């Protein structure tokens, strides 16, 4: 049941969480992403770099007053990749359900054999 569209970068739940959060935001401040996903600054920076290397996200740096800030957003390539990944996961679930139905298992699962 291998699926086209699975992005190996999104197999990591942290990157999938970051991308999902950014897909629901216009621009997100670094601290918001860090706190929402539950990462340290350095861990989030590493994940952002990996996503930025694939052109999945855009990063802007600036200041609010005298304080430096970093904002991130999902790019067009990232949105397409995320949508393709989610669609592939949904296809895996649907294919598994169809296979189970064809095999005669109900949606709640078949009884275990006695023996």
Protein backbone atom coordinates (compact mmCIF):
# COMPACT_ATOMS: atom_id res chain seq x y z
CA UNK A 1 0.00 0.00 0.00
CA UNK A 2 2.82 2.44 -0.75
CA UNK A 3 1.50 5.88 -1.59
CA UNK A 4 2.78 8.57 -3.87
CA UNK A 5 2.75 11.95 -2.19
CA UNK A 6 4.26 10.93 1.14
CA UNK A 7 6.95 13.50 1.85
CA UNK A 8 9.79 12.00 3.91
CA UNK A 9 10.35 15.41 5.49
CA UNK A 10 6.85 15.28 7.02
CA UNK A 11 7.24 11.80 8.49
CA UNK A 12 8.82 13.61 11.45
CA UNK A 13 5.84 14.70 13.59
CA UNK A 14 7.61 17.90 14.62
CA UNK A 15 7.97 19.14 11.05
CA UNK A 16 4.43 18.05 10.26
CA UNK A 17 3.21 20.05 13.27
CA UNK A 18 5.17 23.12 12.20
CA UNK A 19 3.85 22.93 8.66
CA UNK A 20 0.27 22.37 9.81
CA UNK A 21 0.50 25.38 12.11
CA UNK A 22 1.95 27.55 9.36
CA UNK A 23 -0.72 26.39 6.90
CA UNK A 24 -3.31 27.86 9.27
CA UNK A 25 -1.43 31.15 9.71
CA UNK A 26 -0.53 34.05 7.48
CA UNK A 27 2.76 34.80 9.22
CA UNK A 28 3.73 33.28 12.56
CA UNK A 29 6.24 34.71 14.97
CA UNK A 30 9.09 32.37 15.89
CA UNK A 31 8.16 32.41 19.60
CA UNK A 32 4.55 31.45 18.81
CA UNK A 33 5.66 28.48 16.71
CA UNK A 34 8.24 27.46 19.33
CA UNK A 35 5.73 27.56 22.17
CA UNK A 36 2.90 25.92 20.22
CA UNK A 37 5.03 23.05 18.94
CA UNK A 38 6.94 22.75 22.23
CA UNK A 39 10.52 23.09 21.02
CA UNK A 40 13.58 24.92 22.22
CA UNK A 41 14.87 27.85 20.17
CA UNK A 42 17.74 25.78 18.79
CA UNK A 43 15.53 22.79 17.91
CA UNK A 44 13.03 25.02 16.09
CA UNK A 45 15.84 26.81 14.24
CA UNK A 46 17.13 23.46 13.01
CA UNK A 47 13.67 22.40 11.80
CA UNK A 48 13.09 25.77 10.12
CA UNK A 49 16.41 25.42 8.30
CA UNK A 50 15.43 21.99 6.96
CA UNK A 51 12.08 23.28 5.74
CA UNK A 52 13.63 26.43 4.31
CA UNK A 53 16.24 24.36 2.43
CA UNK A 54 13.36 22.72 0.53
CA UNK A 55 11.71 26.13 -0.06
CA UNK A 56 8.71 24.97 1.97
CA UNK A 57 8.74 28.02 4.23
CA UNK A 58 9.77 31.65 4.05
CA UNK A 59 11.57 33.45 6.85
CA UNK A 60 11.59 37.19 7.52
CA UNK A 61 13.70 38.88 10.16
CA UNK A 62 13.04 42.33 11.53
CA UNK A 63 12.51 44.35 14.65
CA UNK A 64 9.62 45.25 16.89
CA UNK A 65 10.93 48.38 18.52
CA UNK A 66 14.52 47.49 19.31
CA UNK A 67 13.87 43.78 19.74
CA UNK A 68 14.78 41.40 16.93
CA UNK A 69 11.99 39.15 15.71
CA UNK A 70 11.69 36.30 13.24
CA UNK A 71 8.51 35.44 11.35
CA UNK A 72 7.84 32.36 9.25
CA UNK A 73 5.16 31.37 6.79
CA UNK A 74 4.41 28.46 4.53
CA UNK A 75 5.37 28.96 0.90
CA UNK A 76 3.53 27.75 -2.17
CA UNK A 77 5.79 24.70 -2.53
CA UNK A 78 5.30 23.87 1.14
CA UNK A 79 1.53 24.16 0.93
CA UNK A 80 1.44 21.85 -2.11
CA UNK A 81 3.76 19.34 -0.43
CA UNK A 82 1.70 19.38 2.78
CA UNK A 83 -1.58 18.96 0.90
CA UNK A 84 -0.10 16.07 -1.09
CA UNK A 85 1.21 14.42 2.08
CA UNK A 86 -2.14 14.72 3.88
CA UNK A 87 -3.99 13.40 0.81
CA UNK A 88 -1.61 10.42 0.66
CA UNK A 89 -2.25 9.68 4.36
CA UNK A 90 -6.00 9.88 3.77
CA UNK A 91 -5.63 7.48 0.82
CA UNK A 92 -3.74 5.01 3.01
CA UNK A 93 -6.58 5.07 5.54
CA UNK A 94 -9.24 4.69 2.83
CA UNK A 95 -7.35 1.87 1.09
CA UNK A 96 -6.93 0.06 4.41
CA UNK A 97 -10.65 0.35 5.14
CA UNK A 98 -11.52 -0.98 1.70
CA UNK A 99 -9.08 -3.86 2.08
CA UNK A 100 -10.55 -4.75 5.48
CA UNK A 101 -14.10 -4.60 4.10
CA UNK A 102 -13.14 -6.79 1.15
CA UNK A 103 -11.58 -9.25 3.56
CA UNK A 104 -14.80 -9.34 5.57
CA UNK A 105 -13.69 -7.44 8.66
CA UNK A 106 -16.15 -4.86 9.90
CA UNK A 107 -15.16 -1.28 10.68
CA UNK A 108 -14.89 -2.05 14.38
CA UNK A 109 -12.63 -5.03 13.78
CA UNK A 110 -13.30 -8.72 13.61
CA UNK A 111 -13.43 -10.97 16.62
CA UNK A 112 -10.23 -12.71 17.50
CA UNK A 113 -10.14 -16.40 16.63
CA UNK A 114 -10.80 -18.69 19.55
CA UNK A 115 -8.45 -21.43 20.12
